[in-house]
């Protein structure tokens, strides 16, 4: 087995083990057993448990940043920019069978921080703030977001985040909502409409003060 394939198998196994057992509960022996590779392999390719955990987050964060950076949001305006944002954010829920494990890793780090990836986790949120903040600055004609606009920015983010974090529960509670060949497109379009209504409400609020 070549080195690249071995690393890939170890990372795939690490995703499953860390997602189900958490960082503290996982061991390199568990990861190697799940990958079907000798126990020495993980030390040869990564060094230790902390190193493969960090590498896993680096890969996930790189993939997220590449996907969201390429969504084309900055080339659109108004509702269409929001549609591009939500579609890029939600698309992996339908395309990536391992998305639930990725989400679980992030949630674990929020409530059971390992301390190993504290410097990596803000990358994704910073990018989302840049994208949504840039849209709000353009649409509201402001150079800097104040408290109300910052709250609006996080509300726009939160509209989709609940579907990412609670997809399984939502699917079980509201059958059919997250099913069908075009459910991501339908959901992204609805969220774009809702988000645009919030932006317009903020525009009216600002206008009423002048």
Protein backbone atom coordinates (compact mmCIF):
# COMPACT_ATOMS: atom_id res chain seq x y z
CA UNK A 1 0.00 0.00 0.00
CA UNK A 2 1.49 3.36 -0.99
CA UNK A 3 1.98 6.17 1.52
CA UNK A 4 -0.81 8.40 0.17
CA UNK A 5 -3.37 5.61 0.38
CA UNK A 6 -2.26 4.72 3.89
CA UNK A 7 -2.61 8.34 5.04
CA UNK A 8 -6.06 8.53 3.46
CA UNK A 9 -7.25 5.37 5.19
CA UNK A 10 -5.94 6.61 8.52
CA UNK A 11 -7.66 9.97 8.14
CA UNK A 12 -10.97 8.33 7.18
CA UNK A 13 -10.74 6.01 10.17
CA UNK A 14 -9.75 8.90 12.44
CA UNK A 15 -12.85 10.82 11.37
CA UNK A 16 -15.10 7.97 12.46
CA UNK A 17 -13.27 7.26 15.71
CA UNK A 18 -12.95 10.88 16.85
CA UNK A 19 -16.57 11.61 15.93
CA UNK A 20 -17.91 8.67 17.91
CA UNK A 21 -15.46 8.56 20.83
CA UNK A 22 -14.24 12.14 21.11
CA UNK A 23 -10.61 13.15 21.29
CA UNK A 24 -10.02 11.97 24.85
CA UNK A 25 -11.80 8.67 24.34
CA UNK A 26 -10.05 7.77 21.09
CA UNK A 27 -6.71 6.03 20.80
CA UNK A 28 -4.24 5.54 17.98
CA UNK A 29 -4.79 1.81 18.37
CA UNK A 30 -8.53 2.27 17.71
CA UNK A 31 -7.79 4.33 14.60
CA UNK A 32 -5.29 1.84 13.19
CA UNK A 33 -7.65 -1.05 13.89
CA UNK A 34 -10.49 0.74 12.09
CA UNK A 35 -8.18 1.46 9.15
CA UNK A 36 -6.92 -2.13 9.04
CA UNK A 37 -3.35 -0.91 9.33
CA UNK A 38 -0.55 -1.75 11.78
CA UNK A 39 -0.34 0.30 14.97
CA UNK A 40 3.04 1.75 13.96
CA UNK A 41 1.59 3.35 10.83
CA UNK A 42 -0.06 6.30 12.53
CA UNK A 43 3.19 7.25 14.25
CA UNK A 44 5.12 6.96 11.00
CA UNK A 45 2.71 9.09 8.97
CA UNK A 46 1.51 11.62 11.56
CA UNK A 47 3.50 11.31 14.77
CA UNK A 48 0.83 11.00 17.44
CA UNK A 49 -2.90 11.29 18.15
CA UNK A 50 -2.82 15.08 18.44
CA UNK A 51 -1.08 15.38 15.07
CA UNK A 52 -3.61 13.29 13.15
CA UNK A 53 -6.47 15.09 14.91
CA UNK A 54 -5.06 18.43 13.86
CA UNK A 55 -4.42 17.21 10.30
CA UNK A 56 -8.03 16.10 10.07
CA UNK A 57 -9.26 19.57 11.02
CA UNK A 58 -6.81 21.25 8.65
CA UNK A 59 -8.21 19.18 5.80
CA UNK A 60 -11.84 19.82 6.74
CA UNK A 61 -11.24 23.54 7.17
CA UNK A 62 -9.36 23.79 3.86
CA UNK A 63 -12.24 22.07 2.06
CA UNK A 64 -14.78 24.36 3.70
CA UNK A 65 -12.84 27.53 2.91
CA UNK A 66 -12.31 26.45 -0.70
CA UNK A 67 -16.02 25.68 -1.15
CA UNK A 68 -17.32 28.87 0.42
CA UNK A 69 -14.67 31.12 -1.14
CA UNK A 70 -15.65 29.82 -4.56
CA UNK A 71 -19.41 30.22 -4.14
CA UNK A 72 -19.43 33.41 -6.24
CA UNK A 73 -21.19 35.45 -3.61
CA UNK A 74 -19.00 38.50 -4.13
CA UNK A 75 -19.97 38.56 -7.81
CA UNK A 76 -23.69 38.72 -7.00
CA UNK A 77 -25.92 41.17 -5.21
CA UNK A 78 -29.05 41.12 -3.12
CA UNK A 79 -30.99 37.90 -2.81
CA UNK A 80 -28.85 36.15 -5.45
CA UNK A 81 -25.76 36.58 -3.29
CA UNK A 82 -27.58 35.00 -0.34
CA UNK A 83 -28.76 32.17 -2.56
CA UNK A 84 -25.18 31.44 -3.62
CA UNK A 85 -24.08 31.48 0.03
CA UNK A 86 -26.80 29.15 1.32
CA UNK A 87 -26.48 26.73 -1.57
CA UNK A 88 -22.73 26.37 -1.06
CA UNK A 89 -23.19 25.96 2.69
CA UNK A 90 -25.95 23.33 2.47
CA UNK A 91 -24.91 21.37 -0.62
CA UNK A 92 -22.65 18.88 1.26
CA UNK A 93 -25.64 17.77 3.35
CA UNK A 94 -27.00 16.07 0.24
CA UNK A 95 -23.69 15.11 -1.40
CA UNK A 96 -21.43 14.04 1.46
CA UNK A 97 -22.40 10.95 3.43
CA UNK A 98 -19.77 11.76 6.05
CA UNK A 99 -21.05 15.27 6.74
CA UNK A 100 -22.72 14.20 9.99
CA UNK A 101 -19.39 13.06 11.39
CA UNK A 102 -17.74 16.33 10.40
CA UNK A 103 -20.46 18.34 12.10
CA UNK A 104 -20.19 16.19 15.20
CA UNK A 105 -16.45 16.87 15.40
CA UNK A 106 -17.08 20.62 15.31
CA UNK A 107 -19.82 20.42 17.92
CA UNK A 108 -17.61 18.34 20.20
CA UNK A 109 -14.89 20.96 19.96
CA UNK A 110 -17.38 23.64 20.93
CA UNK A 111 -18.49 21.88 24.11
CA UNK A 112 -15.52 19.59 24.81
CA UNK A 113 -12.55 21.58 23.50
CA UNK A 114 -9.36 19.61 23.07
CA UNK A 115 -7.24 22.75 22.85
CA UNK A 116 -5.46 21.30 19.82
CA UNK A 117 -7.36 23.12 17.08
CA UNK A 118 -8.39 26.36 18.81
CA UNK A 119 -6.42 28.35 16.26
CA UNK A 120 -8.05 26.56 13.30
CA UNK A 121 -11.74 26.69 14.19
CA UNK A 122 -12.21 30.47 13.77
CA UNK A 123 -11.13 30.25 10.11
CA UNK A 124 -14.52 29.08 8.95
CA UNK A 125 -16.48 31.63 10.94
CA UNK A 126 -14.15 34.45 9.89
CA UNK A 127 -14.79 33.56 6.26
CA UNK A 128 -18.55 33.50 6.77
CA UNK A 129 -18.35 36.85 8.55
CA UNK A 130 -16.35 38.25 5.63
CA UNK A 131 -18.89 36.99 3.09
CA UNK A 132 -22.04 38.01 4.94
CA UNK A 133 -20.48 41.18 6.31
CA UNK A 134 -19.39 42.21 2.83
CA UNK A 135 -22.90 41.68 1.54
CA UNK A 136 -24.40 43.79 4.33
CA UNK A 137 -21.94 46.59 3.83
CA UNK A 138 -22.76 46.69 0.11
CA UNK A 139 -26.52 46.48 0.54
CA UNK A 140 -26.80 48.87 3.49
CA UNK A 141 -24.22 51.32 2.19
CA UNK A 142 -22.09 51.27 5.34
CA UNK A 143 -18.34 50.95 5.76
CA UNK A 144 -18.53 49.33 9.19
CA UNK A 145 -21.06 47.04 10.81
CA UNK A 146 -22.40 48.23 14.15
CA UNK A 147 -24.18 46.11 16.77
CA UNK A 148 -27.53 45.79 14.94
CA UNK A 149 -25.84 44.85 11.67
CA UNK A 150 -23.54 42.39 13.44
CA UNK A 151 -26.59 40.74 15.00
CA UNK A 152 -28.22 40.63 11.59
CA UNK A 153 -25.09 39.04 10.13
CA UNK A 154 -25.16 36.26 12.71
CA UNK A 155 -28.91 35.81 12.21
CA UNK A 156 -28.29 35.24 8.50
CA UNK A 157 -25.66 32.67 9.41
CA UNK A 158 -27.98 31.02 11.94
CA UNK A 159 -30.81 30.56 9.45
CA UNK A 160 -28.87 27.74 7.80
CA UNK A 161 -26.78 26.54 10.74
CA UNK A 162 -29.70 24.80 12.43
CA UNK A 163 -30.10 22.55 9.37
CA UNK A 164 -26.43 21.67 9.45
CA UNK A 165 -26.31 20.83 13.14
CA UNK A 166 -29.75 19.23 13.56
CA UNK A 167 -30.34 17.65 10.18
CA UNK A 168 -31.02 14.17 11.59
CA UNK A 169 -33.49 15.44 14.19
CA UNK A 170 -35.25 17.71 11.70
CA UNK A 171 -35.50 14.89 9.15
CA UNK A 172 -37.05 12.60 11.76
CA UNK A 173 -39.44 15.20 13.13
CA UNK A 174 -40.54 16.75 9.82
CA UNK A 175 -40.47 13.93 7.26
CA UNK A 176 -40.08 15.09 3.68
CA UNK A 177 -38.61 18.50 4.50
CA UNK A 178 -35.05 17.42 3.75
CA UNK A 179 -35.82 14.85 1.08
CA UNK A 180 -36.24 14.72 -2.67
CA UNK A 181 -33.90 15.44 -5.58
CA UNK A 182 -33.91 19.22 -5.15
CA UNK A 183 -34.41 19.75 -1.43
CA UNK A 184 -31.14 21.69 -1.03
CA UNK A 185 -32.10 24.09 -3.82
CA UNK A 186 -35.58 24.60 -2.34
CA UNK A 187 -34.19 25.21 1.13
CA UNK A 188 -31.47 27.56 -0.10
CA UNK A 189 -34.07 29.57 -2.05
CA UNK A 190 -36.33 29.83 1.00
CA UNK A 191 -33.48 30.93 3.24
CA UNK A 192 -32.39 33.49 0.64
CA UNK A 193 -35.90 34.95 0.64
CA UNK A 194 -36.03 35.00 4.44
CA UNK A 195 -32.56 36.49 4.72
CA UNK A 196 -33.29 39.16 2.16
CA UNK A 197 -36.42 40.14 4.10
CA UNK A 198 -34.26 40.64 7.19
CA UNK A 199 -31.85 42.83 5.26
CA UNK A 200 -34.70 44.92 3.88
CA UNK A 201 -36.12 45.29 7.39
CA UNK A 202 -32.75 46.58 8.59
CA UNK A 203 -32.63 49.00 5.68
CA UNK A 204 -36.07 50.35 6.66
CA UNK A 205 -35.04 50.60 10.29
CA UNK A 206 -32.00 52.64 9.36
CA UNK A 207 -34.01 54.88 7.04
CA UNK A 208 -36.56 55.63 9.76
CA UNK A 209 -33.82 57.02 11.98
CA UNK A 210 -32.77 59.68 9.46
